C-alpha atoms as a PDB file:
ATOM      1  CA  UNK A   1      28.448 -64.857 -17.758  1.00  0.00           C
ATOM      2  CA  UNK A   2      30.032 -66.362 -14.706  1.00  0.00           C
ATOM      3  CA  UNK A   3      29.193 -69.263 -12.422  1.00  0.00           C
ATOM      4  CA  UNK A   4      30.061 -69.637  -8.773  1.00  0.00           C
ATOM      5  CA  UNK A   5      29.637 -72.718  -6.607  1.00  0.00           C
ATOM      6  CA  UNK A   6      28.211 -72.504  -3.111  1.00  0.00           C
ATOM      7  CA  UNK A   7      29.904 -74.309  -0.248  1.00  0.00           C
ATOM      8  CA  UNK A   8      27.249 -76.999  -0.462  1.00  0.00           C
ATOM      9  CA  UNK A   9      27.768 -77.445  -4.219  1.00  0.00           C
ATOM     10  CA  UNK A  10      31.525 -77.853  -3.730  1.00  0.00           C
ATOM     11  CA  UNK A  11      30.827 -80.547  -1.143  1.00  0.00           C
ATOM     12  CA  UNK A  12      28.271 -82.231  -3.434  1.00  0.00           C
ATOM     13  CA  UNK A  13      30.791 -82.254  -6.280  1.00  0.00           C
ATOM     14  CA  UNK A  14      32.966 -84.674  -4.312  1.00  0.00           C
ATOM     15  CA  UNK A  15      30.232 -87.351  -4.267  1.00  0.00           C
ATOM     16  CA  UNK A  16      30.167 -88.549  -7.911  1.00  0.00           C
ATOM     17  CA  UNK A  17      32.971 -90.677  -9.340  1.00  0.00           C
ATOM     18  CA  UNK A  18      35.812 -88.934 -11.182  1.00  0.00           C
ATOM     19  CA  UNK A  19      34.372 -89.448 -14.678  1.00  0.00           C
ATOM     20  CA  UNK A  20      30.959 -88.073 -13.701  1.00  0.00           C
ATOM     21  CA  UNK A  21      32.581 -85.170 -11.852  1.00  0.00           C
ATOM     22  CA  UNK A  22      34.454 -84.231 -15.041  1.00  0.00           C
ATOM     23  CA  UNK A  23      31.223 -84.444 -17.066  1.00  0.00           C
ATOM     24  CA  UNK A  24      29.496 -82.107 -14.605  1.00  0.00           C
ATOM     25  CA  UNK A  25      32.367 -79.605 -14.701  1.00  0.00           C
ATOM     26  CA  UNK A  26      32.503 -79.771 -18.513  1.00  0.00           C
ATOM     27  CA  UNK A  27      28.755 -79.141 -18.726  1.00  0.00           C
ATOM     28  CA  UNK A  28      29.063 -76.137 -16.389  1.00  0.00           C
ATOM     29  CA  UNK A  29      31.906 -74.819 -18.555  1.00  0.00           C
ATOM     30  CA  UNK A  30      29.774 -75.229 -21.696  1.00  0.00           C
ATOM     31  CA  UNK A  31      26.907 -73.426 -19.970  1.00  0.00           C
ATOM     32  CA  UNK A  32      29.241 -70.593 -18.987  1.00  0.00           C
ATOM     33  CA  UNK A  33      30.501 -70.295 -22.578  1.00  0.00           C
ATOM     34  CA  UNK A  34      26.911 -70.237 -23.991  1.00  0.00           C
ATOM     35  CA  UNK A  35      27.323 -73.486 -25.931  1.00  0.00           C
ATOM     36  CA  UNK A  36      24.324 -75.400 -27.215  1.00  0.00           C
ATOM     37  CA  UNK A  37      23.178 -78.936 -26.391  1.00  0.00           C
ATOM     38  CA  UNK A  38      22.783 -78.459 -22.655  1.00  0.00           C
ATOM     39  CA  UNK A  39      19.627 -79.761 -21.003  1.00  0.00           C
ATOM     40  CA  UNK A  40      18.787 -76.582 -19.097  1.00  0.00           C
ATOM     41  CA  UNK A  41      15.310 -75.704 -17.856  1.00  0.00           C
ATOM     42  CA  UNK A  42      13.415 -73.842 -15.187  1.00  0.00           C
ATOM     43  CA  UNK A  43      12.067 -75.804 -12.221  1.00  0.00           C
ATOM     44  CA  UNK A  44       8.296 -75.845 -12.233  1.00  0.00           C
ATOM     45  CA  UNK A  45       7.854 -75.343  -8.489  1.00  0.00           C
ATOM     46  CA  UNK A  46      10.114 -72.312  -8.272  1.00  0.00           C
ATOM     47  CA  UNK A  47      10.330 -69.120 -10.260  1.00  0.00           C
ATOM     48  CA  UNK A  48      14.000 -68.517  -9.529  1.00  0.00           C
ATOM     49  CA  UNK A  49      15.635 -71.952  -9.714  1.00  0.00           C
ATOM     50  CA  UNK A  50      16.932 -73.701 -12.822  1.00  0.00           C
ATOM     51  CA  UNK A  51      18.438 -77.110 -13.418  1.00  0.00           C
ATOM     52  CA  UNK A  52      20.994 -78.660 -15.714  1.00  0.00           C
ATOM     53  CA  UNK A  53      20.722 -82.389 -16.329  1.00  0.00           C
ATOM     54  CA  UNK A  54      23.970 -84.360 -16.531  1.00  0.00           C
ATOM     55  CA  UNK A  55      23.058 -88.028 -16.852  1.00  0.00           C
ATOM     56  CA  UNK A  56      21.427 -89.089 -13.576  1.00  0.00           C
ATOM     57  CA  UNK A  57      22.750 -85.987 -11.798  1.00  0.00           C
ATOM     58  CA  UNK A  58      21.017 -82.621 -11.465  1.00  0.00           C
ATOM     59  CA  UNK A  59      22.806 -79.307 -11.030  1.00  0.00           C
ATOM     60  CA  UNK A  60      20.429 -76.746  -9.499  1.00  0.00           C
ATOM     61  CA  UNK A  61      21.225 -73.084 -10.103  1.00  0.00           C
ATOM     62  CA  UNK A  62      19.919 -69.687  -9.146  1.00  0.00           C
ATOM     63  CA  UNK A  63      20.574 -66.407 -10.950  1.00  0.00           C
ATOM     64  CA  UNK A  64      21.590 -63.415  -8.878  1.00  0.00           C
ATOM     65  CA  UNK A  65      19.542 -60.488 -10.180  1.00  0.00           C
ATOM     66  CA  UNK A  66      22.015 -57.819  -9.051  1.00  0.00           C
ATOM     67  CA  UNK A  67      25.276 -59.276 -10.326  1.00  0.00           C
ATOM     68  CA  UNK A  68      23.901 -61.437 -13.138  1.00  0.00           C
ATOM     69  CA  UNK A  69      26.004 -64.364 -11.930  1.00  0.00           C
ATOM     70  CA  UNK A  70      24.712 -67.903 -11.790  1.00  0.00           C
ATOM     71  CA  UNK A  71      25.136 -69.676  -8.474  1.00  0.00           C
ATOM     72  CA  UNK A  72      25.202 -73.478  -8.264  1.00  0.00           C
ATOM     73  CA  UNK A  73      23.115 -74.293  -5.189  1.00  0.00           C
ATOM     74  CA  UNK A  74      23.566 -78.071  -5.107  1.00  0.00           C
ATOM     75  CA  UNK A  75      24.389 -81.161  -7.186  1.00  0.00           C
ATOM     76  CA  UNK A  76      22.390 -84.311  -6.472  1.00  0.00           C
ATOM     77  CA  UNK A  77      21.229 -87.569  -7.994  1.00  0.00           C
ATOM     78  CA  UNK A  78      17.831 -87.352  -9.704  1.00  0.00           C
ATOM     79  CA  UNK A  79      15.732 -89.059  -6.984  1.00  0.00           C
ATOM     80  CA  UNK A  80      17.097 -86.751  -4.265  1.00  0.00           C
ATOM     81  CA  UNK A  81      17.408 -83.523  -6.252  1.00  0.00           C
ATOM     82  CA  UNK A  82      13.843 -82.298  -5.975  1.00  0.00           C
ATOM     83  CA  UNK A  83      12.996 -83.188  -2.372  1.00  0.00           C
END
């Protein structure tokens, strides 16, 4: 499995502090390597979007049906992630 970040996600990744940024990247790495203990679930309002919870931050992903790759759409704080 592979993960790619959109332009927006790369920009969003600059917003958290360095420690949180490392936690987000580590969680994405764990997700890519199929490790357990990741808070990963489907968004209720959308059939094709998923989220990973990293503390107060949310990483929203979409799976490309053709390539099978996961694409990180954006990374936002909880209150702003679902608007």
